[in-house]
């Protein structure tokens, strides 16, 4: 195998590591912060209406997100996202 191919593969691997390692570190730090904040919060327990409101908010958010993704795929498959091309019927 030529040395320039090995150098390109090494550069590609190092570039991927340079991207993945900091992102994983940020993910771990965010998880640690969220877990620590969740445990440290003290106060009265949440009433049943609070859990109901939270569940309805999650369900509504999922419905809106899934609906928007469905519209995105629909518009892409039916050509609505294609660049404009004028059709000349005179020819």
Protein backbone atom coordinates (compact mmCIF):
# COMPACT_ATOMS: atom_id res chain seq x y z
CA UNK A 1 0.00 0.00 0.00
CA UNK A 2 1.46 3.40 -0.94
CA UNK A 3 2.53 5.62 1.91
CA UNK A 4 0.27 8.52 0.84
CA UNK A 5 -2.80 6.27 1.28
CA UNK A 6 -1.65 5.31 4.76
CA UNK A 7 -1.09 8.99 5.57
CA UNK A 8 -4.58 9.85 4.31
CA UNK A 9 -6.16 7.07 6.37
CA UNK A 10 -4.24 8.15 9.46
CA UNK A 11 -5.31 11.77 8.93
CA UNK A 12 -8.91 10.64 8.50
CA UNK A 13 -8.81 8.60 11.70
CA UNK A 14 -7.16 11.42 13.64
CA UNK A 15 -9.72 13.91 12.29
CA UNK A 16 -12.56 11.65 13.38
CA UNK A 17 -11.03 11.24 16.82
CA UNK A 18 -10.49 14.99 17.08
CA UNK A 19 -14.23 15.42 16.53
CA UNK A 20 -15.64 12.48 18.49
CA UNK A 21 -13.56 12.73 21.67
CA UNK A 22 -14.53 16.35 22.54
CA UNK A 23 -18.17 15.66 21.68
CA UNK A 24 -18.22 12.63 23.96
CA UNK A 25 -16.56 14.69 26.72
CA UNK A 26 -19.28 17.35 26.36
CA UNK A 27 -21.97 14.65 26.45
CA UNK A 28 -20.52 13.11 29.61
CA UNK A 29 -20.20 16.53 31.26
CA UNK A 30 -23.81 17.41 30.37
CA UNK A 31 -25.04 14.06 31.73
CA UNK A 32 -23.07 14.53 34.94
CA UNK A 33 -24.43 18.06 35.36
CA UNK A 34 -28.02 16.95 34.68
CA UNK A 35 -27.80 14.02 37.11
CA UNK A 36 -26.27 16.21 39.80
CA UNK A 37 -28.89 18.93 39.31
CA UNK A 38 -31.70 16.35 39.38
CA UNK A 39 -30.53 14.90 42.69
CA UNK A 40 -29.79 18.25 44.35
CA UNK A 41 -33.24 19.77 43.77
CA UNK A 42 -35.30 19.73 46.92
CA UNK A 43 -38.82 20.86 47.49
CA UNK A 44 -42.36 19.61 47.77
CA UNK A 45 -43.32 16.63 45.62
CA UNK A 46 -44.94 17.32 42.28
CA UNK A 47 -48.73 16.93 42.31
CA UNK A 48 -50.54 14.57 39.94
CA UNK A 49 -51.60 17.50 37.74
CA UNK A 50 -47.93 18.36 37.25
CA UNK A 51 -47.18 14.85 36.01
CA UNK A 52 -50.23 15.01 33.76
CA UNK A 53 -49.11 18.34 32.29
CA UNK A 54 -45.61 17.01 31.74
CA UNK A 55 -46.90 13.84 30.05
CA UNK A 56 -49.22 15.84 27.78
CA UNK A 57 -46.37 18.19 26.87
CA UNK A 58 -44.12 15.27 25.95
CA UNK A 59 -46.85 13.60 23.89
CA UNK A 60 -47.71 16.86 22.10
CA UNK A 61 -44.03 17.52 21.35
CA UNK A 62 -43.62 14.02 19.91
CA UNK A 63 -46.72 14.42 17.74
CA UNK A 64 -45.52 17.77 16.38
CA UNK A 65 -41.99 16.44 15.76
CA UNK A 66 -43.20 13.29 14.02
CA UNK A 67 -45.67 15.30 11.94
CA UNK A 68 -42.99 17.74 10.79
CA UNK A 69 -40.63 14.89 9.90
CA UNK A 70 -43.43 13.20 7.92
CA UNK A 71 -44.03 16.45 6.01
CA UNK A 72 -40.30 16.73 5.33
CA UNK A 73 -40.13 13.23 3.84
CA UNK A 74 -43.36 13.74 1.91
CA UNK A 75 -42.17 16.98 0.32
CA UNK A 76 -38.80 15.45 -0.56
CA UNK A 77 -40.28 12.35 -2.20
CA UNK A 78 -42.86 14.29 -4.18
CA UNK A 79 -40.37 16.74 -5.68
CA UNK A 80 -41.30 19.84 -3.70
CA UNK A 81 -37.67 20.26 -2.59
CA UNK A 82 -36.19 20.01 -6.10
CA UNK A 83 -34.69 23.11 -7.72
CA UNK A 84 -37.07 25.02 -9.97
CA UNK A 85 -36.99 24.07 -13.63
CA UNK A 86 -39.17 26.05 -15.99
CA UNK A 87 -41.10 23.87 -18.41
CA UNK A 88 -41.56 25.46 -21.81
CA UNK A 89 -44.68 24.00 -23.47
CA UNK A 90 -44.11 25.92 -26.70
CA UNK A 91 -41.51 23.46 -27.96
